[in-house]
């Protein structure tokens, strides 16, 4: 598994590329955590472990890019999907 982290406003995005079953390609997964206060404590707000219906991306970079894009979409345009 290969991961990438980035901050988007009050959220921390953890994007991952997981080797697909059978070893051909990578599946995108993402966890979004809401950062609380100055302490930096974070609580999970969104999780999706098989983005795009489990589509296999040709590289880990492509899978992570998809995961980050999905997280940004949810944060910016679909906040109703975020937990507390």
C-alpha atoms as a PDB file:
ATOM      1  CA  UNK A   1       0.000   0.000   0.000  1.00  0.00           C
ATOM      2  CA  UNK A   2       1.220   3.476  -0.829  1.00  0.00           C
ATOM      3  CA  UNK A   3      -0.178   6.523   0.957  1.00  0.00           C
ATOM      4  CA  UNK A   4      -0.217  10.285   0.724  1.00  0.00           C
ATOM      5  CA  UNK A   5      -1.447  12.889   3.202  1.00  0.00           C
ATOM      6  CA  UNK A   6      -2.562  16.463   2.653  1.00  0.00           C
ATOM      7  CA  UNK A   7      -4.592  19.135   4.408  1.00  0.00           C
ATOM      8  CA  UNK A   8      -7.754  20.633   2.921  1.00  0.00           C
ATOM      9  CA  UNK A   9      -9.112  23.381   5.171  1.00  0.00           C
ATOM     10  CA  UNK A  10     -10.137  21.829   8.499  1.00  0.00           C
ATOM     11  CA  UNK A  11      -9.650  18.293   7.149  1.00  0.00           C
ATOM     12  CA  UNK A  12      -6.755  15.909   6.722  1.00  0.00           C
ATOM     13  CA  UNK A  13      -6.909  13.631   3.671  1.00  0.00           C
ATOM     14  CA  UNK A  14      -5.232  10.205   3.740  1.00  0.00           C
ATOM     15  CA  UNK A  15      -5.192   8.833   0.193  1.00  0.00           C
ATOM     16  CA  UNK A  16      -3.990   5.296  -0.495  1.00  0.00           C
ATOM     17  CA  UNK A  17      -3.232   3.064  -3.443  1.00  0.00           C
ATOM     18  CA  UNK A  18      -3.765  -0.596  -2.604  1.00  0.00           C
ATOM     19  CA  UNK A  19      -2.446  -3.367  -4.852  1.00  0.00           C
ATOM     20  CA  UNK A  20      -5.468  -4.847  -6.607  1.00  0.00           C
ATOM     21  CA  UNK A  21      -6.359  -8.520  -6.167  1.00  0.00           C
ATOM     22  CA  UNK A  22      -4.449 -10.558  -8.704  1.00  0.00           C
ATOM     23  CA  UNK A  23      -1.659  -7.984  -8.742  1.00  0.00           C
ATOM     24  CA  UNK A  24      -2.840  -6.010 -11.765  1.00  0.00           C
ATOM     25  CA  UNK A  25      -3.169  -2.311 -10.976  1.00  0.00           C
ATOM     26  CA  UNK A  26      -4.114  -0.386  -7.860  1.00  0.00           C
ATOM     27  CA  UNK A  27      -7.400   0.380  -6.093  1.00  0.00           C
ATOM     28  CA  UNK A  28      -7.953   3.860  -4.620  1.00  0.00           C
ATOM     29  CA  UNK A  29      -9.003   4.331  -0.995  1.00  0.00           C
ATOM     30  CA  UNK A  30      -9.406   7.445   1.151  1.00  0.00           C
ATOM     31  CA  UNK A  31      -9.976   8.495   4.764  1.00  0.00           C
ATOM     32  CA  UNK A  32     -10.850  12.087   5.673  1.00  0.00           C
ATOM     33  CA  UNK A  33     -10.399  13.279   9.243  1.00  0.00           C
ATOM     34  CA  UNK A  34     -11.714  16.537  10.696  1.00  0.00           C
ATOM     35  CA  UNK A  35      -8.985  18.387  12.619  1.00  0.00           C
ATOM     36  CA  UNK A  36     -10.225  19.825  15.931  1.00  0.00           C
ATOM     37  CA  UNK A  37      -8.680  22.933  17.486  1.00  0.00           C
ATOM     38  CA  UNK A  38      -5.030  23.729  18.081  1.00  0.00           C
ATOM     39  CA  UNK A  39      -4.314  20.290  19.542  1.00  0.00           C
ATOM     40  CA  UNK A  40      -4.470  18.746  16.086  1.00  0.00           C
ATOM     41  CA  UNK A  41      -6.760  15.976  17.360  1.00  0.00           C
ATOM     42  CA  UNK A  42      -8.585  14.448  14.398  1.00  0.00           C
ATOM     43  CA  UNK A  43     -11.782  12.418  14.111  1.00  0.00           C
ATOM     44  CA  UNK A  44     -12.772  10.341  11.096  1.00  0.00           C
ATOM     45  CA  UNK A  45     -15.374  12.117   8.959  1.00  0.00           C
ATOM     46  CA  UNK A  46     -15.404  10.027   5.772  1.00  0.00           C
ATOM     47  CA  UNK A  47     -14.026   6.700   4.556  1.00  0.00           C
ATOM     48  CA  UNK A  48     -14.238   4.899   1.233  1.00  0.00           C
ATOM     49  CA  UNK A  49     -12.086   1.822   0.654  1.00  0.00           C
ATOM     50  CA  UNK A  50     -12.899   1.010  -2.974  1.00  0.00           C
ATOM     51  CA  UNK A  51     -13.403   4.207  -4.970  1.00  0.00           C
ATOM     52  CA  UNK A  52     -14.874   4.139  -8.470  1.00  0.00           C
ATOM     53  CA  UNK A  53     -16.393   0.723  -7.827  1.00  0.00           C
ATOM     54  CA  UNK A  54     -12.985  -0.864  -7.330  1.00  0.00           C
ATOM     55  CA  UNK A  55     -11.642   0.364 -10.678  1.00  0.00           C
ATOM     56  CA  UNK A  56      -8.008  -0.673 -11.167  1.00  0.00           C
ATOM     57  CA  UNK A  57      -5.688   2.244 -11.805  1.00  0.00           C
ATOM     58  CA  UNK A  58      -2.461   1.588 -13.756  1.00  0.00           C
ATOM     59  CA  UNK A  59      -0.183   3.220 -11.178  1.00  0.00           C
ATOM     60  CA  UNK A  60      -0.240   4.058  -7.466  1.00  0.00           C
ATOM     61  CA  UNK A  61       0.040   7.750  -8.370  1.00  0.00           C
ATOM     62  CA  UNK A  62      -3.142   7.582 -10.473  1.00  0.00           C
ATOM     63  CA  UNK A  63      -5.034   5.801  -7.685  1.00  0.00           C
ATOM     64  CA  UNK A  64      -3.903   8.337  -5.068  1.00  0.00           C
ATOM     65  CA  UNK A  65      -4.829  11.229  -7.373  1.00  0.00           C
ATOM     66  CA  UNK A  66      -8.353   9.796  -7.691  1.00  0.00           C
ATOM     67  CA  UNK A  67      -8.611   9.368  -3.914  1.00  0.00           C
ATOM     68  CA  UNK A  68      -7.553  12.972  -3.240  1.00  0.00           C
ATOM     69  CA  UNK A  69      -9.967  14.280  -5.885  1.00  0.00           C
ATOM     70  CA  UNK A  70     -12.847  12.312  -4.334  1.00  0.00           C
ATOM     71  CA  UNK A  71     -12.038  13.621  -0.858  1.00  0.00           C
ATOM     72  CA  UNK A  72     -11.885  17.211  -2.112  1.00  0.00           C
ATOM     73  CA  UNK A  73     -15.234  16.747  -3.890  1.00  0.00           C
ATOM     74  CA  UNK A  74     -16.876  15.540  -0.676  1.00  0.00           C
ATOM     75  CA  UNK A  75     -15.320  18.297   1.465  1.00  0.00           C
ATOM     76  CA  UNK A  76     -16.121  21.148  -0.951  1.00  0.00           C
ATOM     77  CA  UNK A  77     -19.418  20.097  -2.530  1.00  0.00           C
ATOM     78  CA  UNK A  78     -20.982  17.261  -0.497  1.00  0.00           C
ATOM     79  CA  UNK A  79     -20.454  18.169   3.176  1.00  0.00           C
ATOM     80  CA  UNK A  80     -23.633  16.242   4.095  1.00  0.00           C
ATOM     81  CA  UNK A  81     -21.590  13.046   3.538  1.00  0.00           C
ATOM     82  CA  UNK A  82     -19.141  14.003   6.318  1.00  0.00           C
ATOM     83  CA  UNK A  83     -19.687  12.628   9.826  1.00  0.00           C
ATOM     84  CA  UNK A  84     -19.785  15.003  12.812  1.00  0.00           C
END
